[in-house]
C-alpha cells in the first residue's frame, strides 16, 4: 500500500464479499458494527478505482505497459511483486475511520485482515 495525494493504493488478488469481510473483521451481520463496516467496505471496494481494470479498458492502447500507466498517468511507482495482484485499488479515504491523518483510525487493522485475500 502506498500513499499518493491522500489516496491509498491497495493491491489484492481477490475482493471479498461483504459477508466475508464482516466475518474477517468479526462483526455481527445484524449489529451496529455491521452498519459502520458497510461504509468502510463501500469506501474500500465499491467507491475505489481498480487501476488495473481501468488500464485494461481505457489506457492499454495509450501506454504500452501497466507500469508505464501507473508511472506517467497516476504518478506512482509500484514494486513488481505488487503489480502481479489482480486488483490494484486506489482508495480516497473520505471515511475518517480509514483516513491515516486521524489518530485511532482502523486502516492498518483492516489491511491486516485483508491480507488473508492476498496470494503470495
PDB file of N, CA and C in Angstrom:
ATOM      1  N   UNK A   1       0.853  -1.171   0.000  1.00  0.00           N
ATOM      2  CA  UNK A   1       0.000   0.000   0.000  1.00  0.00           C
ATOM      3  C   UNK A   1       0.897   1.230   0.000  1.00  0.00           C
ATOM      4  N   UNK A   2       0.581   2.202  -0.845  1.00  0.00           N
ATOM      5  CA  UNK A   2       1.341   3.439  -0.920  1.00  0.00           C
ATOM      6  C   UNK A   2       0.366   4.609  -0.936  1.00  0.00           C
ATOM      7  N   UNK A   3       0.825   5.745  -0.452  1.00  0.00           N
ATOM      8  CA  UNK A   3       0.003   6.947  -0.460  1.00  0.00           C
ATOM      9  C   UNK A   3       0.369   7.818  -1.649  1.00  0.00           C
ATOM     10  N   UNK A   4      -0.609   8.426  -2.257  1.00  0.00           N
ATOM     11  CA  UNK A   4      -0.374   9.384  -3.332  1.00  0.00           C
ATOM     12  C   UNK A   4      -1.495  10.417  -3.284  1.00  0.00           C
ATOM     13  N   UNK A   5      -1.149  11.654  -2.927  1.00  0.00           N
ATOM     14  CA  UNK A   5      -2.142  12.725  -2.862  1.00  0.00           C
ATOM     15  C   UNK A   5      -3.356  12.345  -2.024  1.00  0.00           C
ATOM     16  N   UNK A   6      -3.126  11.860  -0.818  1.00  0.00           N
ATOM     17  CA  UNK A   6      -4.174  11.411   0.102  1.00  0.00           C
ATOM     18  C   UNK A   6      -4.900  10.163  -0.373  1.00  0.00           C
ATOM     19  N   UNK A   7      -4.496   9.591  -1.475  1.00  0.00           N
ATOM     20  CA  UNK A   7      -5.071   8.330  -1.938  1.00  0.00           C
ATOM     21  C   UNK A   7      -4.198   7.194  -1.431  1.00  0.00           C
ATOM     22  N   UNK A   8      -4.805   6.051  -1.271  1.00  0.00           N
ATOM     23  CA  UNK A   8      -4.089   4.852  -0.873  1.00  0.00           C
ATOM     24  C   UNK A   8      -4.184   3.845  -1.999  1.00  0.00           C
ATOM     25  N   UNK A   9      -3.120   3.103  -2.221  1.00  0.00           N
ATOM     26  CA  UNK A   9      -3.158   2.027  -3.196  1.00  0.00           C
ATOM     27  C   UNK A   9      -3.109   0.714  -2.438  1.00  0.00           C
ATOM     28  N   UNK A  10      -4.057  -0.136  -2.732  1.00  0.00           N
ATOM     29  CA  UNK A  10      -4.151  -1.436  -2.086  1.00  0.00           C
ATOM     30  C   UNK A  10      -4.157  -2.495  -3.170  1.00  0.00           C
ATOM     31  N   UNK A  11      -3.259  -3.452  -3.062  1.00  0.00           N
ATOM     32  CA  UNK A  11      -3.188  -4.499  -4.079  1.00  0.00           C
ATOM     33  C   UNK A  11      -3.667  -5.812  -3.465  1.00  0.00           C
ATOM     34  N   UNK A  12      -4.647  -6.430  -4.131  1.00  0.00           N
ATOM     35  CA  UNK A  12      -5.270  -7.664  -3.655  1.00  0.00           C
ATOM     36  C   UNK A  12      -5.444  -8.629  -4.818  1.00  0.00           C
ATOM     37  N   UNK A  13      -5.459  -9.902  -4.496  1.00  0.00           N
ATOM     38  CA  UNK A  13      -5.714 -10.902  -5.527  1.00  0.00           C
ATOM     39  C   UNK A  13      -7.196 -11.227  -5.642  1.00  0.00           C
ATOM     40  N   UNK A  14      -7.964 -10.924  -4.603  1.00  0.00           N
ATOM     41  CA  UNK A  14      -9.408 -11.102  -4.699  1.00  0.00           C
ATOM     42  C   UNK A  14     -10.086 -10.078  -3.815  1.00  0.00           C
ATOM     43  N   UNK A  15     -11.296  -9.738  -4.173  1.00  0.00           N
ATOM     44  CA  UNK A  15     -12.087  -8.793  -3.395  1.00  0.00           C
ATOM     45  C   UNK A  15     -13.138  -9.596  -2.641  1.00  0.00           C
ATOM     46  N   UNK A  16     -13.146  -9.471  -1.314  1.00  0.00           N
ATOM     47  CA  UNK A  16     -14.100 -10.253  -0.533  1.00  0.00           C
ATOM     48  C   UNK A  16     -15.522  -9.716  -0.690  1.00  0.00           C
ATOM     49  N   UNK A  17     -16.491 -10.579  -0.481  1.00  0.00           N
ATOM     50  CA  UNK A  17     -17.875 -10.115  -0.395  1.00  0.00           C
ATOM     51  C   UNK A  17     -18.036  -9.416   0.956  1.00  0.00           C
ATOM     52  N   UNK A  18     -19.121  -8.692   1.111  1.00  0.00           N
ATOM     53  CA  UNK A  18     -19.345  -8.026   2.393  1.00  0.00           C
ATOM     54  C   UNK A  18     -19.446  -9.048   3.518  1.00  0.00           C
ATOM     55  N   UNK A  19     -20.062 -10.178   3.236  1.00  0.00           N
ATOM     56  CA  UNK A  19     -20.203 -11.215   4.253  1.00  0.00           C
ATOM     57  C   UNK A  19     -18.837 -11.769   4.665  1.00  0.00           C
ATOM     58  N   UNK A  20     -17.954 -12.001   3.698  1.00  0.00           N
ATOM     59  CA  UNK A  20     -16.597 -12.467   4.009  1.00  0.00           C
ATOM     60  C   UNK A  20     -15.834 -11.416   4.807  1.00  0.00           C
ATOM     61  N   UNK A  21     -15.974 -10.166   4.399  1.00  0.00           N
ATOM     62  CA  UNK A  21     -15.302  -9.063   5.080  1.00  0.00           C
ATOM     63  C   UNK A  21     -15.797  -8.941   6.521  1.00  0.00           C
ATOM     64  N   UNK A  22     -17.097  -9.045   6.714  1.00  0.00           N
ATOM     65  CA  UNK A  22     -17.675  -8.979   8.065  1.00  0.00           C
ATOM     66  C   UNK A  22     -17.147 -10.102   8.944  1.00  0.00           C
ATOM     67  N   UNK A  23     -17.082 -11.303   8.380  1.00  0.00           N
ATOM     68  CA  UNK A  23     -16.579 -12.443   9.146  1.00  0.00           C
ATOM     69  C   UNK A  23     -15.108 -12.239   9.515  1.00  0.00           C
ATOM     70  N   UNK A  24     -14.319 -11.741   8.584  1.00  0.00           N
ATOM     71  CA  UNK A  24     -12.905 -11.479   8.870  1.00  0.00           C
ATOM     72  C   UNK A  24     -12.740 -10.435   9.953  1.00  0.00           C
ATOM     73  N   UNK A  25     -13.580  -9.428   9.942  1.00  0.00           N
ATOM     74  CA  UNK A  25     -13.496  -8.361  10.931  1.00  0.00           C
ATOM     75  C   UNK A  25     -14.198  -8.748  12.233  1.00  0.00           C
ATOM     76  N   UNK A  26     -14.816  -9.934  12.240  1.00  0.00           N
ATOM     77  CA  UNK A  26     -15.522 -10.452  13.419  1.00  0.00           C
ATOM     78  C   UNK A  26     -16.641  -9.505  13.865  1.00  0.00           C
ATOM     79  N   UNK A  27     -17.422  -9.064  12.890  1.00  0.00           N
ATOM     80  CA  UNK A  27     -18.531  -8.154  13.140  1.00  0.00           C
ATOM     81  C   UNK A  27     -19.827  -8.896  12.858  1.00  0.00           C
ATOM     82  N   UNK A  28     -20.732  -8.832  13.795  1.00  0.00           N
ATOM     83  CA  UNK A  28     -22.034  -9.484  13.648  1.00  0.00           C
ATOM     84  C   UNK A  28     -22.804  -8.848  12.491  1.00  0.00           C
ATOM     85  N   UNK A  29     -23.436  -9.661  11.646  1.00  0.00           N
ATOM     86  CA  UNK A  29     -24.145  -9.100  10.487  1.00  0.00           C
ATOM     87  C   UNK A  29     -25.392  -8.295  10.853  1.00  0.00           C
ATOM     88  N   UNK A  30     -25.869  -8.388  12.100  1.00  0.00           N
ATOM     89  CA  UNK A  30     -27.104  -7.709  12.479  1.00  0.00           C
ATOM     90  C   UNK A  30     -26.902  -6.584  13.483  1.00  0.00           C
ATOM     91  N   UNK A  31     -25.668  -6.249  13.823  1.00  0.00           N
ATOM     92  CA  UNK A  31     -25.415  -5.235  14.836  1.00  0.00           C
ATOM     93  C   UNK A  31     -25.051  -3.885  14.251  1.00  0.00           C
ATOM     94  N   UNK A  32     -24.817  -2.939  15.175  1.00  0.00           N
ATOM     95  CA  UNK A  32     -24.418  -1.589  14.767  1.00  0.00           C
ATOM     96  C   UNK A  32     -23.082  -1.614  14.038  1.00  0.00           C
ATOM     97  N   UNK A  33     -22.188  -2.479  14.472  1.00  0.00           N
ATOM     98  CA  UNK A  33     -20.880  -2.591  13.821  1.00  0.00           C
ATOM     99  C   UNK A  33     -21.000  -2.904  12.346  1.00  0.00           C
ATOM    100  N   UNK A  34     -22.015  -3.673  11.986  1.00  0.00           N
ATOM    101  CA  UNK A  34     -22.247  -4.018  10.589  1.00  0.00           C
ATOM    102  C   UNK A  34     -22.600  -2.789   9.761  1.00  0.00           C
ATOM    103  N   UNK A  35     -23.340  -1.880  10.360  1.00  0.00           N
ATOM    104  CA  UNK A  35     -23.715  -0.644   9.656  1.00  0.00           C
ATOM    105  C   UNK A  35     -22.466   0.188   9.379  1.00  0.00           C
ATOM    106  N   UNK A  36     -21.616   0.344  10.381  1.00  0.00           N
ATOM    107  CA  UNK A  36     -20.374   1.106  10.214  1.00  0.00           C
ATOM    108  C   UNK A  36     -19.455   0.405   9.225  1.00  0.00           C
ATOM    109  N   UNK A  37     -19.352  -0.917   9.356  1.00  0.00           N
ATOM    110  CA  UNK A  37     -18.471  -1.683   8.480  1.00  0.00           C
ATOM    111  C   UNK A  37     -18.909  -1.606   7.023  1.00  0.00           C
ATOM    112  N   UNK A  38     -20.208  -1.470   6.779  1.00  0.00           N
ATOM    113  CA  UNK A  38     -20.699  -1.338   5.407  1.00  0.00           C
ATOM    114  C   UNK A  38     -20.143  -0.067   4.748  1.00  0.00           C
ATOM    115  N   UNK A  39     -20.029   1.028   5.525  1.00  0.00           N
ATOM    116  CA  UNK A  39     -19.436   2.259   4.997  1.00  0.00           C
ATOM    117  C   UNK A  39     -17.961   2.045   4.660  1.00  0.00           C
ATOM    118  N   UNK A  40     -17.249   1.351   5.534  1.00  0.00           N
ATOM    119  CA  UNK A  40     -15.838   1.055   5.300  1.00  0.00           C
ATOM    120  C   UNK A  40     -15.692   0.188   4.049  1.00  0.00           C
ATOM    121  N   UNK A  41     -16.517  -0.853   3.948  1.00  0.00           N
ATOM    122  CA  UNK A  41     -16.481  -1.755   2.797  1.00  0.00           C
ATOM    123  C   UNK A  41     -16.733  -0.980   1.501  1.00  0.00           C
ATOM    124  N   UNK A  42     -17.731  -0.122   1.547  1.00  0.00           N
ATOM    125  CA  UNK A  42     -18.069   0.659   0.357  1.00  0.00           C
ATOM    126  C   UNK A  42     -16.895   1.562  -0.042  1.00  0.00           C
ATOM    127  N   UNK A  43     -16.273   2.214   0.933  1.00  0.00           N
ATOM    128  CA  UNK A  43     -15.146   3.104   0.648  1.00  0.00           C
ATOM    129  C   UNK A  43     -13.977   2.343   0.030  1.00  0.00           C
ATOM    130  N   UNK A  44     -13.709   1.145   0.518  1.00  0.00           N
ATOM    131  CA  UNK A  44     -12.564   0.382   0.032  1.00  0.00           C
ATOM    132  C   UNK A  44     -12.846  -0.320  -1.289  1.00  0.00           C
ATOM    133  N   UNK A  45     -13.981  -0.990  -1.405  1.00  0.00           N
ATOM    134  CA  UNK A  45     -14.186  -1.899  -2.531  1.00  0.00           C
ATOM    135  C   UNK A  45     -15.155  -1.415  -3.605  1.00  0.00           C
ATOM    136  N   UNK A  46     -16.041  -0.512  -3.286  1.00  0.00           N
ATOM    137  CA  UNK A  46     -17.033  -0.088  -4.273  1.00  0.00           C
ATOM    138  C   UNK A  46     -16.702   1.288  -4.847  1.00  0.00           C
ATOM    139  N   UNK A  47     -16.370   2.234  -3.976  1.00  0.00           N
ATOM    140  CA  UNK A  47     -16.101   3.593  -4.435  1.00  0.00           C
ATOM    141  C   UNK A  47     -14.664   3.801  -4.900  1.00  0.00           C
ATOM    142  N   UNK A  48     -13.821   2.801  -4.743  1.00  0.00           N
ATOM    143  CA  UNK A  48     -12.425   2.922  -5.172  1.00  0.00           C
ATOM    144  C   UNK A  48     -12.308   2.643  -6.667  1.00  0.00           C
ATOM    145  N   UNK A  49     -11.172   3.028  -7.227  1.00  0.00           N
ATOM    146  CA  UNK A  49     -10.880   2.758  -8.635  1.00  0.00           C
ATOM    147  C   UNK A  49      -9.979   1.542  -8.717  1.00  0.00           C
ATOM    148  N   UNK A  50     -10.344   0.573  -9.542  1.00  0.00           N
ATOM    149  CA  UNK A  50      -9.470  -0.566  -9.802  1.00  0.00           C
ATOM    150  C   UNK A  50      -8.574  -0.159 -10.965  1.00  0.00           C
ATOM    151  N   UNK A  51      -7.342   0.210 -10.655  1.00  0.00           N
ATOM    152  CA  UNK A  51      -6.447   0.765 -11.670  1.00  0.00           C
ATOM    153  C   UNK A  51      -6.100  -0.233 -12.766  1.00  0.00           C
ATOM    154  N   UNK A  52      -5.993  -1.495 -12.420  1.00  0.00           N
ATOM    155  CA  UNK A  52      -5.703  -2.499 -13.445  1.00  0.00           C
ATOM    156  C   UNK A  52      -6.868  -2.629 -14.423  1.00  0.00           C
ATOM    157  N   UNK A  53      -8.077  -2.635 -13.902  1.00  0.00           N
ATOM    158  CA  UNK A  53      -9.264  -2.686 -14.761  1.00  0.00           C
ATOM    159  C   UNK A  53      -9.355  -1.432 -15.627  1.00  0.00           C
ATOM    160  N   UNK A  54      -9.073  -0.280 -15.022  1.00  0.00           N
ATOM    161  CA  UNK A  54      -9.101   0.982 -15.756  1.00  0.00           C
ATOM    162  C   UNK A  54      -8.069   0.983 -16.884  1.00  0.00           C
ATOM    163  N   UNK A  55      -6.876   0.481 -16.585  1.00  0.00           N
ATOM    164  CA  UNK A  55      -5.828   0.389 -17.598  1.00  0.00           C
ATOM    165  C   UNK A  55      -6.270  -0.510 -18.751  1.00  0.00           C
ATOM    166  N   UNK A  56      -6.772  -1.697 -18.437  1.00  0.00           N
ATOM    167  CA  UNK A  56      -7.178  -2.645 -19.476  1.00  0.00           C
ATOM    168  C   UNK A  56      -8.316  -2.116 -20.340  1.00  0.00           C
ATOM    169  N   UNK A  57      -9.239  -1.384 -19.754  1.00  0.00           N
ATOM    170  CA  UNK A  57     -10.389  -0.867 -20.506  1.00  0.00           C
ATOM    171  C   UNK A  57     -10.055   0.353 -21.356  1.00  0.00           C
ATOM    172  N   UNK A  58      -9.287   1.277 -20.776  1.00  0.00           N
ATOM    173  CA  UNK A  58      -9.158   2.578 -21.410  1.00  0.00           C
ATOM    174  C   UNK A  58      -7.748   2.989 -21.837  1.00  0.00           C
ATOM    175  N   UNK A  59      -6.727   2.521 -21.152  1.00  0.00           N
ATOM    176  CA  UNK A  59      -5.400   3.087 -21.361  1.00  0.00           C
ATOM    177  C   UNK A  59      -4.363   2.136 -21.949  1.00  0.00           C
ATOM    178  N   UNK A  60      -4.715   0.895 -22.189  1.00  0.00           N
ATOM    179  CA  UNK A  60      -3.720  -0.061 -22.692  1.00  0.00           C
ATOM    180  C   UNK A  60      -3.231   0.293 -24.096  1.00  0.00           C
ATOM    181  N   UNK A  61      -4.000   1.041 -24.841  1.00  0.00           N
ATOM    182  CA  UNK A  61      -3.572   1.468 -26.175  1.00  0.00           C
ATOM    183  C   UNK A  61      -2.587   2.634 -26.059  1.00  0.00           C
ATOM    184  N   UNK A  62      -2.830   3.501 -25.101  1.00  0.00           N
ATOM    185  CA  UNK A  62      -2.003   4.695 -24.929  1.00  0.00           C
ATOM    186  C   UNK A  62      -0.668   4.390 -24.243  1.00  0.00           C
ATOM    187  N   UNK A  63      -0.683   3.493 -23.257  1.00  0.00           N
ATOM    188  CA  UNK A  63       0.526   3.139 -22.508  1.00  0.00           C
ATOM    189  C   UNK A  63       0.860   1.678 -22.785  1.00  0.00           C
ATOM    190  N   UNK A  64       2.109   1.417 -23.145  1.00  0.00           N
ATOM    191  CA  UNK A  64       2.499   0.057 -23.524  1.00  0.00           C
ATOM    192  C   UNK A  64       2.419  -0.931 -22.373  1.00  0.00           C
ATOM    193  N   UNK A  65       2.701  -0.473 -21.167  1.00  0.00           N
ATOM    194  CA  UNK A  65       2.674  -1.375 -20.013  1.00  0.00           C
ATOM    195  C   UNK A  65       1.870  -0.753 -18.882  1.00  0.00           C
ATOM    196  N   UNK A  66       1.426  -1.611 -17.981  1.00  0.00           N
ATOM    197  CA  UNK A  66       0.709  -1.147 -16.800  1.00  0.00           C
ATOM    198  C   UNK A  66       1.625  -0.289 -15.929  1.00  0.00           C
ATOM    199  N   UNK A  67       2.902  -0.669 -15.854  1.00  0.00           N
ATOM    200  CA  UNK A  67       3.884   0.125 -15.087  1.00  0.00           C
ATOM    201  C   UNK A  67       3.996   1.542 -15.640  1.00  0.00           C
ATOM    202  N   UNK A  68       4.025   1.668 -16.955  1.00  0.00           N
ATOM    203  CA  UNK A  68       4.108   2.992 -17.589  1.00  0.00           C
ATOM    204  C   UNK A  68       2.851   3.802 -17.281  1.00  0.00           C
ATOM    205  N   UNK A  69       1.707   3.165 -17.324  1.00  0.00           N
ATOM    206  CA  UNK A  69       0.442   3.826 -16.978  1.00  0.00           C
ATOM    207  C   UNK A  69       0.485   4.357 -15.546  1.00  0.00           C
ATOM    208  N   UNK A  70       0.907   3.490 -14.606  1.00  0.00           N
ATOM    209  CA  UNK A  70       0.972   3.905 -13.206  1.00  0.00           C
ATOM    210  C   UNK A  70       1.948   5.056 -13.013  1.00  0.00           C
ATOM    211  N   UNK A  71       3.078   4.970 -13.669  1.00  0.00           N
ATOM    212  CA  UNK A  71       4.108   5.984 -13.502  1.00  0.00           C
ATOM    213  C   UNK A  71       3.712   7.313 -14.142  1.00  0.00           C
ATOM    214  N   UNK A  72       3.265   7.281 -15.386  1.00  0.00           N
ATOM    215  CA  UNK A  72       3.005   8.515 -16.126  1.00  0.00           C
ATOM    216  C   UNK A  72       1.627   9.104 -15.860  1.00  0.00           C
ATOM    217  N   UNK A  73       0.602   8.290 -15.794  1.00  0.00           N
ATOM    218  CA  UNK A  73      -0.764   8.791 -15.629  1.00  0.00           C
ATOM    219  C   UNK A  73      -1.125   8.998 -14.161  1.00  0.00           C
ATOM    220  N   UNK A  74      -0.766   8.035 -13.313  1.00  0.00           N
ATOM    221  CA  UNK A  74      -1.149   8.081 -11.903  1.00  0.00           C
ATOM    222  C   UNK A  74      -0.061   8.736 -11.055  1.00  0.00           C
ATOM    223  N   UNK A  75       1.195   8.628 -11.488  1.00  0.00           N
ATOM    224  CA  UNK A  75       2.301   9.226 -10.742  1.00  0.00           C
ATOM    225  C   UNK A  75       2.783   8.377  -9.588  1.00  0.00           C
ATOM    226  N   UNK A  76       2.730   7.050  -9.762  1.00  0.00           N
ATOM    227  CA  UNK A  76       3.094   6.126  -8.690  1.00  0.00           C
ATOM    228  C   UNK A  76       4.037   5.065  -9.233  1.00  0.00           C
ATOM    229  N   UNK A  77       5.042   4.744  -8.460  1.00  0.00           N
ATOM    230  CA  UNK A  77       5.928   3.625  -8.776  1.00  0.00           C
ATOM    231  C   UNK A  77       5.549   2.466  -7.858  1.00  0.00           C
ATOM    232  N   UNK A  78       5.351   1.286  -8.429  1.00  0.00           N
ATOM    233  CA  UNK A  78       4.958   0.114  -7.645  1.00  0.00           C
ATOM    234  C   UNK A  78       5.953  -1.006  -7.894  1.00  0.00           C
ATOM    235  N   UNK A  79       6.261  -1.731  -6.829  1.00  0.00           N
ATOM    236  CA  UNK A  79       7.180  -2.863  -6.932  1.00  0.00           C
ATOM    237  C   UNK A  79       6.582  -3.937  -7.841  1.00  0.00           C
ATOM    238  N   UNK A  80       7.407  -4.659  -8.590  1.00  0.00           N
ATOM    239  CA  UNK A  80       6.904  -5.710  -9.492  1.00  0.00           C
ATOM    240  C   UNK A  80       6.045  -6.762  -8.785  1.00  0.00           C
ATOM    241  N   UNK A  81       6.352  -7.074  -7.533  1.00  0.00           N
ATOM    242  CA  UNK A  81       5.533  -8.070  -6.819  1.00  0.00           C
ATOM    243  C   UNK A  81       4.129  -7.552  -6.557  1.00  0.00           C
ATOM    244  N   UNK A  82       3.976  -6.244  -6.404  1.00  0.00           N
ATOM    245  CA  UNK A  82       2.659  -5.670  -6.178  1.00  0.00           C
ATOM    246  C   UNK A  82       1.848  -5.602  -7.471  1.00  0.00           C
ATOM    247  N   UNK A  83       2.525  -5.484  -8.598  1.00  0.00           N
ATOM    248  CA  UNK A  83       1.835  -5.387  -9.880  1.00  0.00           C
ATOM    249  C   UNK A  83       1.186  -6.718 -10.257  1.00  0.00           C
ATOM    250  N   UNK A  84       1.681  -7.807  -9.718  1.00  0.00           N
ATOM    251  CA  UNK A  84       1.125  -9.115 -10.032  1.00  0.00           C
ATOM    252  C   UNK A  84      -0.264  -9.330  -9.439  1.00  0.00           C
ATOM    253  N   UNK A  85      -0.707  -8.472  -8.549  1.00  0.00           N
ATOM    254  CA  UNK A  85      -2.032  -8.598  -7.951  1.00  0.00           C
ATOM    255  C   UNK A  85      -3.109  -8.424  -9.022  1.00  0.00           C
ATOM    256  N   UNK A  86      -4.248  -9.038  -8.801  1.00  0.00           N
ATOM    257  CA  UNK A  86      -5.347  -8.962  -9.768  1.00  0.00           C
ATOM    258  C   UNK A  86      -6.150  -7.674  -9.644  1.00  0.00           C
ATOM    259  N   UNK A  87      -6.057  -7.028  -8.482  1.00  0.00           N
ATOM    260  CA  UNK A  87      -6.772  -5.768  -8.244  1.00  0.00           C
ATOM    261  C   UNK A  87      -5.811  -4.794  -7.575  1.00  0.00           C
ATOM    262  N   UNK A  88      -5.661  -3.624  -8.160  1.00  0.00           N
ATOM    263  CA  UNK A  88      -4.903  -2.549  -7.531  1.00  0.00           C
ATOM    264  C   UNK A  88      -5.885  -1.404  -7.366  1.00  0.00           C
ATOM    265  N   UNK A  89      -6.342  -1.228  -6.138  1.00  0.00           N
ATOM    266  CA  UNK A  89      -7.391  -0.275  -5.840  1.00  0.00           C
ATOM    267  C   UNK A  89      -6.807   1.047  -5.374  1.00  0.00           C
ATOM    268  N   UNK A  90      -7.301   2.138  -5.964  1.00  0.00           N
ATOM    269  CA  UNK A  90      -6.949   3.480  -5.490  1.00  0.00           C
ATOM    270  C   UNK A  90      -8.105   3.945  -4.625  1.00  0.00           C
ATOM    271  N   UNK A  91      -7.815   4.143  -3.357  1.00  0.00           N
ATOM    272  CA  UNK A  91      -8.846   4.463  -2.375  1.00  0.00           C
ATOM    273  C   UNK A  91      -8.645   5.893  -1.895  1.00  0.00           C
ATOM    274  N   UNK A  92      -9.692   6.685  -1.964  1.00  0.00           N
ATOM    275  CA  UNK A  92      -9.686   8.015  -1.363  1.00  0.00           C
ATOM    276  C   UNK A  92     -10.384   7.880  -0.012  1.00  0.00           C
ATOM    277  N   UNK A  93      -9.620   7.898   1.085  1.00  0.00           N
ATOM    278  CA  UNK A  93     -10.218   7.614   2.395  1.00  0.00           C
ATOM    279  C   UNK A  93     -11.031   8.784   2.930  1.00  0.00           C
ATOM    280  N   UNK A  94     -12.214   8.975   2.381  1.00  0.00           N
ATOM    281  CA  UNK A  94     -13.089  10.031   2.847  1.00  0.00           C
ATOM    282  C   UNK A  94     -13.696   9.682   4.195  1.00  0.00           C
ATOM    283  N   UNK A  95     -13.692   8.432   4.533  1.00  0.00           N
ATOM    284  CA  UNK A  95     -14.287   7.954   5.768  1.00  0.00           C
ATOM    285  C   UNK A  95     -13.233   8.056   6.867  1.00  0.00           C
ATOM    286  N   UNK A  96     -13.473   8.810   7.930  1.00  0.00           N
ATOM    287  CA  UNK A  96     -12.451   9.081   8.937  1.00  0.00           C
ATOM    288  C   UNK A  96     -11.921   7.833   9.623  1.00  0.00           C
ATOM    289  N   UNK A  97     -12.676   6.754   9.622  1.00  0.00           N
ATOM    290  CA  UNK A  97     -12.162   5.524  10.216  1.00  0.00           C
ATOM    291  C   UNK A  97     -10.995   4.960   9.415  1.00  0.00           C
ATOM    292  N   UNK A  98     -10.855   5.366   8.175  1.00  0.00           N
ATOM    293  CA  UNK A  98      -9.772   4.885   7.321  1.00  0.00           C
ATOM    294  C   UNK A  98      -8.681   5.917   7.090  1.00  0.00           C
ATOM    295  N   UNK A  99      -8.967   7.177   7.302  1.00  0.00           N
ATOM    296  CA  UNK A  99      -8.024   8.230   6.958  1.00  0.00           C
ATOM    297  C   UNK A  99      -6.835   8.226   7.915  1.00  0.00           C
ATOM    298  N   UNK A 100      -5.633   8.016   7.398  1.00  0.00           N
ATOM    299  CA  UNK A 100      -4.461   7.921   8.264  1.00  0.00           C
ATOM    300  C   UNK A 100      -4.089   9.225   8.970  1.00  0.00           C
ATOM    301  N   UNK A 101      -4.657  10.361   8.566  1.00  0.00           N
ATOM    302  CA  UNK A 101      -4.328  11.603   9.266  1.00  0.00           C
ATOM    303  C   UNK A 101      -5.025  11.699  10.622  1.00  0.00           C
ATOM    304  N   UNK A 102      -6.035  10.865  10.849  1.00  0.00           N
ATOM    305  CA  UNK A 102      -6.727  10.848  12.130  1.00  0.00           C
ATOM    306  C   UNK A 102      -6.115   9.799  13.042  1.00  0.00           C
ATOM    307  N   UNK A 103      -5.921  10.174  14.304  1.00  0.00           N
ATOM    308  CA  UNK A 103      -5.467   9.187  15.281  1.00  0.00           C
ATOM    309  C   UNK A 103      -6.549   8.141  15.465  1.00  0.00           C
ATOM    310  N   UNK A 104      -6.155   6.972  15.859  1.00  0.00           N
ATOM    311  CA  UNK A 104      -7.076   5.859  16.132  1.00  0.00           C
ATOM    312  C   UNK A 104      -7.882   5.437  14.912  1.00  0.00           C
ATOM    313  N   UNK A 105      -7.329   5.595  13.707  1.00  0.00           N
ATOM    314  CA  UNK A 105      -8.030   5.084  12.532  1.00  0.00           C
ATOM    315  C   UNK A 105      -7.825   3.566  12.480  1.00  0.00           C
ATOM    316  N   UNK A 106      -8.651   2.901  11.729  1.00  0.00           N
ATOM    317  CA  UNK A 106      -8.636   1.443  11.680  1.00  0.00           C
ATOM    318  C   UNK A 106      -7.982   0.896  10.417  1.00  0.00           C
ATOM    319  N   UNK A 107      -7.331   1.739   9.672  1.00  0.00           N
ATOM    320  CA  UNK A 107      -6.811   1.337   8.375  1.00  0.00           C
ATOM    321  C   UNK A 107      -5.840   0.163   8.471  1.00  0.00           C
ATOM    322  N   UNK A 108      -4.841   0.247   9.323  1.00  0.00           N
ATOM    323  CA  UNK A 108      -3.845  -0.828   9.410  1.00  0.00           C
ATOM    324  C   UNK A 108      -4.470  -2.148   9.847  1.00  0.00           C
ATOM    325  N   UNK A 109      -5.420  -2.095  10.776  1.00  0.00           N
ATOM    326  CA  UNK A 109      -6.088  -3.312  11.210  1.00  0.00           C
ATOM    327  C   UNK A 109      -6.867  -3.945  10.049  1.00  0.00           C
ATOM    328  N   UNK A 110      -7.562  -3.129   9.297  1.00  0.00           N
ATOM    329  CA  UNK A 110      -8.342  -3.637   8.170  1.00  0.00           C
ATOM    330  C   UNK A 110      -7.417  -4.209   7.103  1.00  0.00           C
ATOM    331  N   UNK A 111      -6.329  -3.517   6.821  1.00  0.00           N
ATOM    332  CA  UNK A 111      -5.368  -4.006   5.838  1.00  0.00           C
ATOM    333  C   UNK A 111      -4.801  -5.352   6.293  1.00  0.00           C
ATOM    334  N   UNK A 112      -4.528  -5.480   7.574  1.00  0.00           N
ATOM    335  CA  UNK A 112      -4.036  -6.750   8.111  1.00  0.00           C
ATOM    336  C   UNK A 112      -5.016  -7.883   7.884  1.00  0.00           C
ATOM    337  N   UNK A 113      -6.285  -7.611   8.084  1.00  0.00           N
ATOM    338  CA  UNK A 113      -7.316  -8.643   7.849  1.00  0.00           C
ATOM    339  C   UNK A 113      -7.460  -8.958   6.372  1.00  0.00           C
ATOM    340  N   UNK A 114      -7.269  -7.980   5.518  1.00  0.00           N
ATOM    341  CA  UNK A 114      -7.386  -8.209   4.079  1.00  0.00           C
ATOM    342  C   UNK A 114      -6.230  -9.063   3.558  1.00  0.00           C
ATOM    343  N   UNK A 115      -5.151  -9.142   4.311  1.00  0.00           N
ATOM    344  CA  UNK A 115      -4.014  -9.953   3.907  1.00  0.00           C
ATOM    345  C   UNK A 115      -4.395 -11.394   3.660  1.00  0.00           C
ATOM    346  N   UNK A 116      -5.483 -11.851   4.250  1.00  0.00           N
ATOM    347  CA  UNK A 116      -5.963 -13.213   4.022  1.00  0.00           C
ATOM    348  C   UNK A 116      -6.318 -13.418   2.564  1.00  0.00           C
ATOM    349  N   UNK A 117      -6.713 -12.346   1.878  1.00  0.00           N
ATOM    350  CA  UNK A 117      -7.151 -12.434   0.485  1.00  0.00           C
ATOM    351  C   UNK A 117      -6.009 -12.265  -0.514  1.00  0.00           C
ATOM    352  N   UNK A 118      -4.778 -12.148  -0.025  1.00  0.00           N
ATOM    353  CA  UNK A 118      -3.655 -11.986  -0.922  1.00  0.00           C
ATOM    354  C   UNK A 118      -2.984 -13.326  -1.161  1.00  0.00           C
ATOM    355  N   UNK A 119      -2.599 -13.536  -2.387  1.00  0.00           N
ATOM    356  CA  UNK A 119      -1.831 -14.737  -2.732  1.00  0.00           C
ATOM    357  C   UNK A 119      -0.373 -14.349  -2.786  1.00  0.00           C
ATOM    358  N   UNK A 120       0.473 -15.100  -2.132  1.00  0.00           N
ATOM    359  CA  UNK A 120       1.908 -14.788  -2.159  1.00  0.00           C
ATOM    360  C   UNK A 120       2.645 -15.771  -3.000  1.00  0.00           C
TER     361      UNK A 120
END
